[in-house]
Amino acid sequence: MISENGAAKALFMAQHVNAFLDYLASECGLAENTIRAYRHDLTGFVLHLHDVGIKDMAAVAPDQVIAYMAELRHLGRHVNSISRALAAIKMFFRFLWSEGITPSDITSLIDSPRLVRALPEVMTEGEVTALLDAPDVSTPRGLRDKALLELLYATGARVSEVANMTLDSLHMDLGYVRCFGKGSKERIVPIGQASVDAISAYLERGRPRLLRSRESAYLFPGRFRGGLTRKTLWQIVKKTALRAGVARRISPHTLRHSFATHLLEHRADLRAIQEMLGHANIATTQQYTHVNRAHLKSVHRKYHPRA
């Protein structure tokens, strides 16, 4: 419900916002944080409408939405923040139109500002080596962590893909694993000898001791029936990075970014990287060409005598 400071001024339209937020929660199943963000953005918009004397959603024109975007820019809001606010408003007016509250969707022809996409965080090859060498392979957990990290870097797989990987996904004699990505789309990703050796050692000396008398189809079984949770995988990466002395903050996704960037730096084909990452659109993979250019610029600045 709308509960921000000053929202009482806009109670004339709050019922529509609250109905929309209930729709997002009950029918769309959006996360609480997402709904909270929509609430914040729509509260600001409703207060803006109140200030300019509009008291009925059916009376809102595209000009008022555009004026609100301009106001946010004047206030110094980042383009990404403005884009998210506009996305909330557009979704809100689609809801109002579908419910018959407004005669049309007045935002349908309003373009969203172009998002400024931050370059992904990437580790150096030295940092990756330090990370992969950090687990204590004299223990079952160390063998597991070593295998997990080698697999993440060898395949560039998403953390959820590794968490849900089963023993049937492994084809180490042929040098590849099967990953099931978004929409359960299957792809084949090759793995190198270092990853094969780490996984083999884990399967032989680590996994049976961790399972004890239990059985599991998962490559990295958790405490219960499923595999390790994404949170646990993130904690393993974080803990191992501290052990390795890697100063930057990293996550399993950092290894995915590093996988793609290091392949590109060693002149791998962009289409092959796209296939291994499981990107549906080549444009998503192309973000790594920007990372590569940034890397080349830093090398040039560091080593060129007249940089």
C-alpha atoms as a PDB file:
ATOM      1  CA  MET A   1       0.000   0.000   0.000  1.00  0.00           C
ATOM      2  CA  ILE A   2       1.074   3.592  -0.574  1.00  0.00           C
ATOM      3  CA  SER A   3       2.664   4.729   2.667  1.00  0.00           C
ATOM      4  CA  GLU A   4       5.427   7.172   1.642  1.00  0.00           C
ATOM      5  CA  ASN A   5       5.597  10.636   3.252  1.00  0.00           C
ATOM      6  CA  GLY A   6       3.093  12.962   1.668  1.00  0.00           C
ATOM      7  CA  ALA A   7       1.143  10.209  -0.025  1.00  0.00           C
ATOM      8  CA  ALA A   8      -1.980  11.191   1.901  1.00  0.00           C
ATOM      9  CA  LYS A   9      -2.267  14.128  -0.487  1.00  0.00           C
ATOM     10  CA  ALA A  10      -2.897  11.716  -3.326  1.00  0.00           C
ATOM     11  CA  LEU A  11      -5.477   9.409  -1.795  1.00  0.00           C
ATOM     12  CA  PHE A  12      -7.816  10.277  -4.673  1.00  0.00           C
ATOM     13  CA  MET A  13      -5.760   7.946  -6.893  1.00  0.00           C
ATOM     14  CA  ALA A  14      -4.085   5.700  -4.312  1.00  0.00           C
ATOM     15  CA  GLN A  15      -6.737   3.018  -4.701  1.00  0.00           C
ATOM     16  CA  HIS A  16      -5.701   2.414  -8.307  1.00  0.00           C
ATOM     17  CA  VAL A  17      -2.025   2.139  -7.378  1.00  0.00           C
ATOM     18  CA  ASN A  18      -2.830  -0.243  -4.548  1.00  0.00           C
ATOM     19  CA  ALA A  19      -4.963  -2.385  -6.852  1.00  0.00           C
ATOM     20  CA  PHE A  20      -2.068  -2.516  -9.311  1.00  0.00           C
ATOM     21  CA  LEU A  21       0.407  -3.540  -6.605  1.00  0.00           C
ATOM     22  CA  ASP A  22      -1.988  -6.265  -5.424  1.00  0.00           C
ATOM     23  CA  TYR A  23      -2.181  -7.485  -9.028  1.00  0.00           C
ATOM     24  CA  LEU A  24       1.627  -7.642  -9.260  1.00  0.00           C
ATOM     25  CA  ALA A  25       1.832  -9.651  -6.037  1.00  0.00           C
ATOM     26  CA  SER A  26      -1.085 -12.038  -6.515  1.00  0.00           C
ATOM     27  CA  GLU A  27      -1.214 -12.618 -10.260  1.00  0.00           C
ATOM     28  CA  CYS A  28       2.278 -11.789 -11.529  1.00  0.00           C
ATOM     29  CA  GLY A  29       4.118 -13.225  -8.520  1.00  0.00           C
ATOM     30  CA  LEU A  30       6.713 -10.441  -8.481  1.00  0.00           C
ATOM     31  CA  ALA A  31       9.220 -10.309  -5.651  1.00  0.00           C
ATOM     32  CA  GLU A  32       8.598  -8.066  -2.663  1.00  0.00           C
ATOM     33  CA  ASN A  33      11.600  -5.866  -3.495  1.00  0.00           C
ATOM     34  CA  THR A  34      10.308  -5.325  -7.042  1.00  0.00           C
ATOM     35  CA  ILE A  35       6.861  -4.378  -5.760  1.00  0.00           C
ATOM     36  CA  ARG A  36       8.464  -2.008  -3.254  1.00  0.00           C
ATOM     37  CA  ALA A  37      10.349  -0.322  -6.109  1.00  0.00           C
ATOM     38  CA  TYR A  38       7.123   0.037  -8.126  1.00  0.00           C
ATOM     39  CA  ARG A  39       5.424   1.508  -5.061  1.00  0.00           C
ATOM     40  CA  HIS A  40       8.184   4.086  -4.651  1.00  0.00           C
ATOM     41  CA  ASP A  41       8.163   5.123  -8.316  1.00  0.00           C
ATOM     42  CA  LEU A  42       4.377   5.313  -8.614  1.00  0.00           C
ATOM     43  CA  THR A  43       4.033   7.275  -5.377  1.00  0.00           C
ATOM     44  CA  GLY A  44       6.344   9.937  -6.761  1.00  0.00           C
ATOM     45  CA  PHE A  45       4.347  10.053  -9.996  1.00  0.00           C
ATOM     46  CA  VAL A  46       0.985  10.291  -8.223  1.00  0.00           C
ATOM     47  CA  LEU A  47       2.269  13.135  -6.039  1.00  0.00           C
ATOM     48  CA  HIS A  48       3.450  14.906  -9.204  1.00  0.00           C
ATOM     49  CA  LEU A  49      -0.039  14.567 -10.703  1.00  0.00           C
ATOM     50  CA  HIS A  50      -1.532  15.954  -7.497  1.00  0.00           C
ATOM     51  CA  ASP A  51       0.796  18.955  -7.627  1.00  0.00           C
ATOM     52  CA  VAL A  52      -0.270  19.838 -11.184  1.00  0.00           C
ATOM     53  CA  GLY A  53      -3.961  19.518 -10.302  1.00  0.00           C
ATOM     54  CA  ILE A  54      -4.850  16.185 -11.909  1.00  0.00           C
ATOM     55  CA  LYS A  55      -7.312  14.191  -9.842  1.00  0.00           C
ATOM     56  CA  ASP A  56      -8.400  11.435 -12.206  1.00  0.00           C
ATOM     57  CA  MET A  57      -6.232   8.840 -13.942  1.00  0.00           C
ATOM     58  CA  ALA A  58      -8.461   9.073 -17.003  1.00  0.00           C
ATOM     59  CA  ALA A  59      -7.432  12.737 -17.315  1.00  0.00           C
ATOM     60  CA  VAL A  60      -3.698  12.003 -17.504  1.00  0.00           C
ATOM     61  CA  ALA A  61      -2.140  12.778 -20.901  1.00  0.00           C
ATOM     62  CA  PRO A  62       1.223  11.636 -22.301  1.00  0.00           C
ATOM     63  CA  ASP A  63       2.544  15.170 -21.759  1.00  0.00           C
ATOM     64  CA  GLN A  64       2.221  14.753 -17.988  1.00  0.00           C
ATOM     65  CA  VAL A  65       4.282  11.555 -18.066  1.00  0.00           C
ATOM     66  CA  ILE A  66       6.947  13.215 -20.206  1.00  0.00           C
ATOM     67  CA  ALA A  67       6.958  16.242 -17.895  1.00  0.00           C
ATOM     68  CA  TYR A  68       7.506  13.962 -14.905  1.00  0.00           C
ATOM     69  CA  MET A  69      10.460  12.319 -16.651  1.00  0.00           C
ATOM     70  CA  ALA A  70      11.905  15.777 -17.290  1.00  0.00           C
ATOM     71  CA  GLU A  71      11.418  16.637 -13.617  1.00  0.00           C
ATOM     72  CA  LEU A  72      13.362  13.543 -12.582  1.00  0.00           C
ATOM     73  CA  ARG A  73      16.186  14.532 -14.933  1.00  0.00           C
ATOM     74  CA  HIS A  74      16.165  18.044 -13.459  1.00  0.00           C
ATOM     75  CA  LEU A  75      16.475  16.500  -9.994  1.00  0.00           C
ATOM     76  CA  GLY A  76      19.609  14.680 -11.129  1.00  0.00           C
ATOM     77  CA  ARG A  77      18.194  11.153 -11.245  1.00  0.00           C
ATOM     78  CA  HIS A  78      20.361   8.686 -13.188  1.00  0.00           C
ATOM     79  CA  VAL A  79      19.066   7.584 -16.595  1.00  0.00           C
ATOM     80  CA  ASN A  80      18.685   4.007 -15.314  1.00  0.00           C
ATOM     81  CA  SER A  81      16.564   5.228 -12.400  1.00  0.00           C
ATOM     82  CA  ILE A  82      14.403   7.301 -14.761  1.00  0.00           C
ATOM     83  CA  SER A  83      14.016   4.327 -17.089  1.00  0.00           C
ATOM     84  CA  ARG A  84      12.860   2.111 -14.214  1.00  0.00           C
ATOM     85  CA  ALA A  85      10.334   4.763 -13.112  1.00  0.00           C
ATOM     86  CA  LEU A  86       8.973   5.004 -16.646  1.00  0.00           C
ATOM     87  CA  ALA A  87       8.740   1.203 -16.877  1.00  0.00           C
ATOM     88  CA  ALA A  88       6.631   1.193 -13.689  1.00  0.00           C
ATOM     89  CA  ILE A  89       4.368   3.956 -15.037  1.00  0.00           C
ATOM     90  CA  LYS A  90       3.938   2.220 -18.406  1.00  0.00           C
ATOM     91  CA  MET A  91       3.026  -1.058 -16.749  1.00  0.00           C
ATOM     92  CA  PHE A  92       0.628   0.805 -14.439  1.00  0.00           C
ATOM     93  CA  PHE A  93      -1.220   2.428 -17.359  1.00  0.00           C
ATOM     94  CA  ARG A  94      -1.452  -0.866 -19.232  1.00  0.00           C
ATOM     95  CA  PHE A  95      -3.126  -2.240 -16.108  1.00  0.00           C
ATOM     96  CA  LEU A  96      -5.512   0.737 -15.883  1.00  0.00           C
ATOM     97  CA  TRP A  97      -6.486   0.323 -19.534  1.00  0.00           C
ATOM     98  CA  SER A  98      -7.036  -3.438 -19.178  1.00  0.00           C
ATOM     99  CA  GLU A  99      -9.263  -2.783 -16.161  1.00  0.00           C
ATOM    100  CA  GLY A 100     -11.314  -0.184 -18.049  1.00  0.00           C
ATOM    101  CA  ILE A 101     -10.218   2.653 -15.748  1.00  0.00           C
ATOM    102  CA  THR A 102      -8.674   4.627 -18.629  1.00  0.00           C
ATOM    103  CA  PRO A 103      -9.969   4.685 -22.229  1.00  0.00           C
ATOM    104  CA  SER A 104      -6.509   3.914 -23.644  1.00  0.00           C
ATOM    105  CA  ASP A 105      -2.906   3.237 -22.703  1.00  0.00           C
ATOM    106  CA  ILE A 106      -1.512   6.751 -22.902  1.00  0.00           C
ATOM    107  CA  THR A 107       2.090   5.538 -22.461  1.00  0.00           C
ATOM    108  CA  SER A 108       2.153   3.126 -25.404  1.00  0.00           C
ATOM    109  CA  LEU A 109       3.987   5.576 -27.688  1.00  0.00           C
ATOM    110  CA  ILE A 110       6.442   6.893 -25.090  1.00  0.00           C
ATOM    111  CA  ASP A 111       9.962   5.536 -25.620  1.00  0.00           C
ATOM    112  CA  SER A 112      12.118   4.523 -22.681  1.00  0.00           C
ATOM    113  CA  PRO A 113      15.474   6.288 -22.280  1.00  0.00           C
ATOM    114  CA  ARG A 114      18.462   4.164 -23.244  1.00  0.00           C
ATOM    115  CA  LEU A 115      19.917   2.364 -20.252  1.00  0.00           C
ATOM    116  CA  VAL A 116      23.573   2.822 -19.438  1.00  0.00           C
ATOM    117  CA  ARG A 117      24.798  -0.741 -19.054  1.00  0.00           C
ATOM    118  CA  ALA A 118      27.684  -1.117 -16.635  1.00  0.00           C
ATOM    119  CA  LEU A 119      30.563  -3.239 -17.865  1.00  0.00           C
ATOM    120  CA  PRO A 120      30.705  -6.612 -16.095  1.00  0.00           C
ATOM    121  CA  GLU A 121      33.290  -7.132 -13.348  1.00  0.00           C
ATOM    122  CA  VAL A 122      36.087  -9.369 -14.626  1.00  0.00           C
ATOM    123  CA  MET A 123      38.965 -11.065 -12.815  1.00  0.00           C
ATOM    124  CA  THR A 124      42.477 -11.192 -14.186  1.00  0.00           C
ATOM    125  CA  GLU A 125      43.833 -14.576 -15.219  1.00  0.00           C
ATOM    126  CA  GLY A 126      46.201 -14.412 -12.242  1.00  0.00           C
ATOM    127  CA  GLU A 127      43.310 -13.849  -9.853  1.00  0.00           C
ATOM    128  CA  VAL A 128      41.428 -16.801 -11.346  1.00  0.00           C
ATOM    129  CA  THR A 129      44.482 -19.026 -10.938  1.00  0.00           C
ATOM    130  CA  ALA A 130      44.854 -17.967  -7.300  1.00  0.00           C
ATOM    131  CA  LEU A 131      41.165 -18.663  -6.691  1.00  0.00           C
ATOM    132  CA  LEU A 132      41.248 -22.115  -8.287  1.00  0.00           C
ATOM    133  CA  ASP A 133      44.386 -23.082  -6.341  1.00  0.00           C
ATOM    134  CA  ALA A 134      43.024 -21.900  -2.968  1.00  0.00           C
ATOM    135  CA  PRO A 135      40.796 -24.827  -1.830  1.00  0.00           C
ATOM    136  CA  ASP A 136      42.368 -27.345   0.562  1.00  0.00           C
ATOM    137  CA  VAL A 137      42.108 -30.523  -1.519  1.00  0.00           C
ATOM    138  CA  SER A 138      43.144 -32.697   1.444  1.00  0.00           C
ATOM    139  CA  THR A 139      39.539 -32.411   2.693  1.00  0.00           C
ATOM    140  CA  PRO A 140      36.252 -33.535   1.098  1.00  0.00           C
ATOM    141  CA  ARG A 141      34.878 -29.982   1.135  1.00  0.00           C
ATOM    142  CA  GLY A 142      38.061 -28.674  -0.425  1.00  0.00           C
ATOM    143  CA  LEU A 143      37.802 -31.236  -3.221  1.00  0.00           C
ATOM    144  CA  ARG A 144      34.189 -30.186  -3.775  1.00  0.00           C
ATOM    145  CA  ASP A 145      35.032 -26.480  -3.805  1.00  0.00           C
ATOM    146  CA  LYS A 146      37.913 -27.063  -6.210  1.00  0.00           C
ATOM    147  CA  ALA A 147      35.677 -29.028  -8.595  1.00  0.00           C
ATOM    148  CA  LEU A 148      32.914 -26.428  -8.323  1.00  0.00           C
ATOM    149  CA  LEU A 149      35.186 -23.483  -9.072  1.00  0.00           C
ATOM    150  CA  GLU A 150      36.956 -25.249 -11.927  1.00  0.00           C
ATOM    151  CA  LEU A 151      33.579 -26.108 -13.450  1.00  0.00           C
ATOM    152  CA  LEU A 152      32.252 -22.551 -13.130  1.00  0.00           C
ATOM    153  CA  TYR A 153      35.312 -21.119 -14.868  1.00  0.00           C
ATOM    154  CA  ALA A 154      35.659 -23.924 -17.435  1.00  0.00           C
ATOM    155  CA  THR A 155      32.064 -23.591 -18.663  1.00  0.00           C
ATOM    156  CA  GLY A 156      30.965 -20.037 -17.864  1.00  0.00           C
ATOM    157  CA  ALA A 157      27.765 -21.625 -16.574  1.00  0.00           C
ATOM    158  CA  ARG A 158      25.232 -19.697 -14.535  1.00  0.00           C
ATOM    159  CA  VAL A 159      25.210 -20.481 -10.832  1.00  0.00           C
ATOM    160  CA  SER A 160      21.724 -22.018 -11.092  1.00  0.00           C
ATOM    161  CA  GLU A 161      22.909 -24.298 -13.905  1.00  0.00           C
ATOM    162  CA  VAL A 162      25.764 -25.659 -11.808  1.00  0.00           C
ATOM    163  CA  ALA A 163      23.586 -25.951  -8.699  1.00  0.00           C
ATOM    164  CA  ASN A 164      21.097 -28.115 -10.629  1.00  0.00           C
ATOM    165  CA  MET A 165      23.666 -30.161 -12.549  1.00  0.00           C
ATOM    166  CA  THR A 166      23.311 -33.930 -12.159  1.00  0.00           C
ATOM    167  CA  LEU A 167      25.775 -36.751 -12.600  1.00  0.00           C
ATOM    168  CA  ASP A 168      24.077 -37.553 -15.911  1.00  0.00           C
ATOM    169  CA  SER A 169      25.180 -34.123 -17.162  1.00  0.00           C
ATOM    170  CA  LEU A 170      28.834 -35.184 -17.081  1.00  0.00           C
ATOM    171  CA  HIS A 171      30.540 -36.641 -20.139  1.00  0.00           C
ATOM    172  CA  MET A 172      34.123 -36.306 -19.039  1.00  0.00           C
ATOM    173  CA  ASP A 173      35.455 -39.035 -21.306  1.00  0.00           C
ATOM    174  CA  LEU A 174      34.310 -36.872 -24.219  1.00  0.00           C
ATOM    175  CA  GLY A 175      35.310 -33.633 -22.516  1.00  0.00           C
ATOM    176  CA  TYR A 176      31.975 -31.850 -22.173  1.00  0.00           C
ATOM    177  CA  VAL A 177      29.049 -31.230 -19.832  1.00  0.00           C
ATOM    178  CA  ARG A 178      25.382 -30.557 -20.535  1.00  0.00           C
ATOM    179  CA  CYS A 179      23.917 -27.340 -19.119  1.00  0.00           C
ATOM    180  CA  PHE A 180      20.226 -26.519 -18.885  1.00  0.00           C
ATOM    181  CA  GLY A 181      19.762 -22.775 -19.078  1.00  0.00           C
ATOM    182  CA  LYS A 182      16.817 -20.398 -19.161  1.00  0.00           C
ATOM    183  CA  GLY A 183      13.665 -22.048 -20.417  1.00  0.00           C
ATOM    184  CA  SER A 184      15.305 -25.447 -19.829  1.00  0.00           C
ATOM    185  CA  LYS A 185      17.266 -25.017 -23.048  1.00  0.00           C
ATOM    186  CA  GLU A 186      20.055 -27.574 -23.256  1.00  0.00           C
ATOM    187  CA  ARG A 187      23.516 -26.761 -24.508  1.00  0.00           C
ATOM    188  CA  ILE A 188      26.802 -28.644 -24.699  1.00  0.00           C
ATOM    189  CA  VAL A 189      29.852 -26.942 -23.201  1.00  0.00           C
ATOM    190  CA  PRO A 190      33.393 -28.350 -23.464  1.00  0.00           C
ATOM    191  CA  ILE A 191      35.604 -28.603 -20.377  1.00  0.00           C
ATOM    192  CA  GLY A 192      39.370 -28.790 -20.192  1.00  0.00           C
ATOM    193  CA  GLN A 193      41.652 -31.290 -18.510  1.00  0.00           C
ATOM    194  CA  ALA A 194      42.073 -29.212 -15.345  1.00  0.00           C
ATOM    195  CA  SER A 195      38.326 -29.280 -14.774  1.00  0.00           C
ATOM    196  CA  VAL A 196      38.105 -33.001 -15.607  1.00  0.00           C
ATOM    197  CA  ASP A 197      40.866 -33.798 -13.101  1.00  0.00           C
ATOM    198  CA  ALA A 198      39.255 -31.708 -10.342  1.00  0.00           C
ATOM    199  CA  ILE A 199      35.817 -33.241 -10.868  1.00  0.00           C
ATOM    200  CA  SER A 200      37.256 -36.771 -11.005  1.00  0.00           C
ATOM    201  CA  ALA A 201      39.121 -36.270  -7.721  1.00  0.00           C
ATOM    202  CA  TYR A 202      35.969 -34.901  -6.112  1.00  0.00           C
ATOM    203  CA  LEU A 203      33.828 -37.801  -7.353  1.00  0.00           C
ATOM    204  CA  GLU A 204      36.376 -40.358  -6.141  1.00  0.00           C
ATOM    205  CA  ARG A 205      37.470 -38.946  -2.783  1.00  0.00           C
ATOM    206  CA  GLY A 206      35.198 -36.047  -1.857  1.00  0.00           C
ATOM    207  CA  ARG A 207      31.586 -36.614  -2.818  1.00  0.00           C
ATOM    208  CA  PRO A 208      31.185 -40.110  -1.236  1.00  0.00           C
ATOM    209  CA  ARG A 209      32.483 -38.814   2.101  1.00  0.00           C
ATOM    210  CA  LEU A 210      30.206 -35.790   1.991  1.00  0.00           C
ATOM    211  CA  LEU A 211      27.175 -37.923   1.138  1.00  0.00           C
ATOM    212  CA  ARG A 212      28.035 -40.655   3.664  1.00  0.00           C
ATOM    213  CA  SER A 213      25.204 -43.150   3.307  1.00  0.00           C
ATOM    214  CA  ARG A 214      22.876 -40.872   1.363  1.00  0.00           C
ATOM    215  CA  GLU A 215      22.198 -41.031  -2.358  1.00  0.00           C
ATOM    216  CA  SER A 216      21.762 -38.081  -4.703  1.00  0.00           C
ATOM    217  CA  ALA A 217      21.568 -37.523  -8.441  1.00  0.00           C
ATOM    218  CA  TYR A 218      23.059 -34.044  -8.066  1.00  0.00           C
ATOM    219  CA  LEU A 219      26.714 -33.424  -8.817  1.00  0.00           C
ATOM    220  CA  PHE A 220      26.950 -31.100  -5.826  1.00  0.00           C
ATOM    221  CA  PRO A 221      24.312 -32.378  -3.381  1.00  0.00           C
ATOM    222  CA  GLY A 222      23.057 -30.171  -0.581  1.00  0.00           C
ATOM    223  CA  ARG A 223      21.968 -31.142   2.889  1.00  0.00           C
ATOM    224  CA  PHE A 224      18.547 -32.202   1.721  1.00  0.00           C
ATOM    225  CA  ARG A 225      17.253 -33.753  -1.489  1.00  0.00           C
ATOM    226  CA  GLY A 226      18.329 -31.056  -3.908  1.00  0.00           C
ATOM    227  CA  GLY A 227      21.667 -29.671  -4.945  1.00  0.00           C
ATOM    228  CA  LEU A 228      23.584 -26.890  -3.259  1.00  0.00           C
ATOM    229  CA  THR A 229      21.632 -23.647  -3.150  1.00  0.00           C
ATOM    230  CA  ARG A 230      22.723 -20.594  -5.112  1.00  0.00           C
ATOM    231  CA  LYS A 231      23.376 -18.849  -1.799  1.00  0.00           C
ATOM    232  CA  THR A 232      25.713 -21.643  -0.703  1.00  0.00           C
ATOM    233  CA  LEU A 233      27.583 -21.515  -4.014  1.00  0.00           C
ATOM    234  CA  TRP A 234      27.977 -17.761  -3.641  1.00  0.00           C
ATOM    235  CA  GLN A 235      29.350 -18.243  -0.115  1.00  0.00           C
ATOM    236  CA  ILE A 236      31.858 -20.842  -1.358  1.00  0.00           C
ATOM    237  CA  VAL A 237      33.157 -18.427  -3.995  1.00  0.00           C
ATOM    238  CA  LYS A 238      33.345 -15.565  -1.499  1.00  0.00           C
ATOM    239  CA  LYS A 239      35.117 -17.672   1.138  1.00  0.00           C
ATOM    240  CA  THR A 240      37.620 -19.061  -1.352  1.00  0.00           C
ATOM    241  CA  ALA A 241      38.343 -15.599  -2.768  1.00  0.00           C
ATOM    242  CA  LEU A 242      39.257 -14.392   0.736  1.00  0.00           C
ATOM    243  CA  ARG A 243      41.489 -17.429   1.186  1.00  0.00           C
ATOM    244  CA  ALA A 244      43.142 -16.721  -2.173  1.00  0.00           C
ATOM    245  CA  GLY A 245      43.770 -13.087  -1.284  1.00  0.00           C
ATOM    246  CA  VAL A 246      41.600 -11.758  -4.117  1.00  0.00           C
ATOM    247  CA  ALA A 247      40.856  -8.228  -2.978  1.00  0.00           C
ATOM    248  CA  ARG A 248      37.871  -7.460  -5.185  1.00  0.00           C
ATOM    249  CA  ARG A 249      34.338  -8.564  -4.379  1.00  0.00           C
ATOM    250  CA  ILE A 250      33.435 -11.484  -6.631  1.00  0.00           C
ATOM    251  CA  SER A 251      30.522 -13.858  -7.134  1.00  0.00           C
ATOM    252  CA  PRO A 252      29.882 -16.978  -9.244  1.00  0.00           C
ATOM    253  CA  HIS A 253      28.724 -14.644 -12.032  1.00  0.00           C
ATOM    254  CA  THR A 254      32.136 -12.951 -11.985  1.00  0.00           C
ATOM    255  CA  LEU A 255      33.616 -16.270 -13.108  1.00  0.00           C
ATOM    256  CA  ARG A 256      31.079 -16.391 -15.953  1.00  0.00           C
ATOM    257  CA  HIS A 257      32.116 -12.900 -17.065  1.00  0.00           C
ATOM    258  CA  SER A 258      35.789 -13.815 -16.716  1.00  0.00           C
ATOM    259  CA  PHE A 259      35.302 -17.003 -18.748  1.00  0.00           C
ATOM    260  CA  ALA A 260      33.870 -15.031 -21.679  1.00  0.00           C
ATOM    261  CA  THR A 261      36.345 -12.162 -21.480  1.00  0.00           C
ATOM    262  CA  HIS A 262      39.413 -14.403 -21.268  1.00  0.00           C
ATOM    263  CA  LEU A 263      38.222 -16.426 -24.255  1.00  0.00           C
ATOM    264  CA  LEU A 264      37.764 -13.220 -26.223  1.00  0.00           C
ATOM    265  CA  GLU A 265      41.194 -11.940 -25.204  1.00  0.00           C
ATOM    266  CA  HIS A 266      42.655 -15.165 -26.585  1.00  0.00           C
ATOM    267  CA  ARG A 267      40.791 -14.542 -29.876  1.00  0.00           C
ATOM    268  CA  ALA A 268      37.918 -16.970 -29.516  1.00  0.00           C
ATOM    269  CA  ASP A 269      35.034 -16.534 -31.946  1.00  0.00           C
ATOM    270  CA  LEU A 270      32.182 -14.426 -30.540  1.00  0.00           C
ATOM    271  CA  ARG A 271      29.551 -16.805 -31.905  1.00  0.00           C
ATOM    272  CA  ALA A 272      31.203 -19.748 -30.141  1.00  0.00           C
ATOM    273  CA  ILE A 273      31.233 -17.781 -26.877  1.00  0.00           C
ATOM    274  CA  GLN A 274      27.553 -16.961 -27.383  1.00  0.00           C
ATOM    275  CA  GLU A 275      26.742 -20.659 -27.787  1.00  0.00           C
ATOM    276  CA  MET A 276      28.739 -21.689 -24.720  1.00  0.00           C
ATOM    277  CA  LEU A 277      27.139 -18.982 -22.565  1.00  0.00           C
ATOM    278  CA  GLY A 278      23.656 -19.864 -23.780  1.00  0.00           C
ATOM    279  CA  HIS A 279      22.813 -16.320 -24.902  1.00  0.00           C
ATOM    280  CA  ALA A 280      19.769 -16.172 -27.151  1.00  0.00           C
ATOM    281  CA  ASN A 281      20.945 -12.882 -28.670  1.00  0.00           C
ATOM    282  CA  ILE A 282      24.449 -12.114 -29.914  1.00  0.00           C
ATOM    283  CA  ALA A 283      24.006  -8.530 -28.620  1.00  0.00           C
ATOM    284  CA  THR A 284      24.164  -9.871 -25.060  1.00  0.00           C
ATOM    285  CA  THR A 285      27.505 -11.503 -25.778  1.00  0.00           C
ATOM    286  CA  GLN A 286      28.836  -8.358 -27.428  1.00  0.00           C
ATOM    287  CA  GLN A 287      29.105  -6.638 -24.045  1.00  0.00           C
ATOM    288  CA  TYR A 288      32.376  -8.560 -23.659  1.00  0.00           C
ATOM    289  CA  THR A 289      33.851  -6.833 -26.695  1.00  0.00           C
ATOM    290  CA  HIS A 290      33.553  -3.582 -24.713  1.00  0.00           C
ATOM    291  CA  VAL A 291      35.333  -5.216 -21.782  1.00  0.00           C
ATOM    292  CA  ASN A 292      38.038  -6.416 -24.159  1.00  0.00           C
ATOM    293  CA  ARG A 293      38.494  -2.921 -25.602  1.00  0.00           C
ATOM    294  CA  ALA A 294      38.776  -1.513 -22.077  1.00  0.00           C
ATOM    295  CA  HIS A 295      41.461  -4.136 -21.366  1.00  0.00           C
ATOM    296  CA  LEU A 296      43.372  -3.208 -24.509  1.00  0.00           C
ATOM    297  CA  LYS A 297      43.228   0.484 -23.602  1.00  0.00           C
ATOM    298  CA  SER A 298      44.629  -0.216 -20.136  1.00  0.00           C
ATOM    299  CA  VAL A 299      47.462  -2.276 -21.630  1.00  0.00           C
ATOM    300  CA  HIS A 300      48.211   0.522 -24.108  1.00  0.00           C
ATOM    301  CA  ARG A 301      48.268   3.165 -21.367  1.00  0.00           C
ATOM    302  CA  LYS A 302      50.549   1.017 -19.234  1.00  0.00           C
ATOM    303  CA  TYR A 303      53.090  -0.070 -21.823  1.00  0.00           C
ATOM    304  CA  HIS A 304      53.095   2.353 -24.755  1.00  0.00           C
ATOM    305  CA  PRO A 305      55.919   4.907 -24.409  1.00  0.00           C
ATOM    306  CA  ARG A 306      53.736   7.787 -25.598  1.00  0.00           C
ATOM    307  CA  ALA A 307      50.406   6.771 -24.083  1.00  0.00           C
END
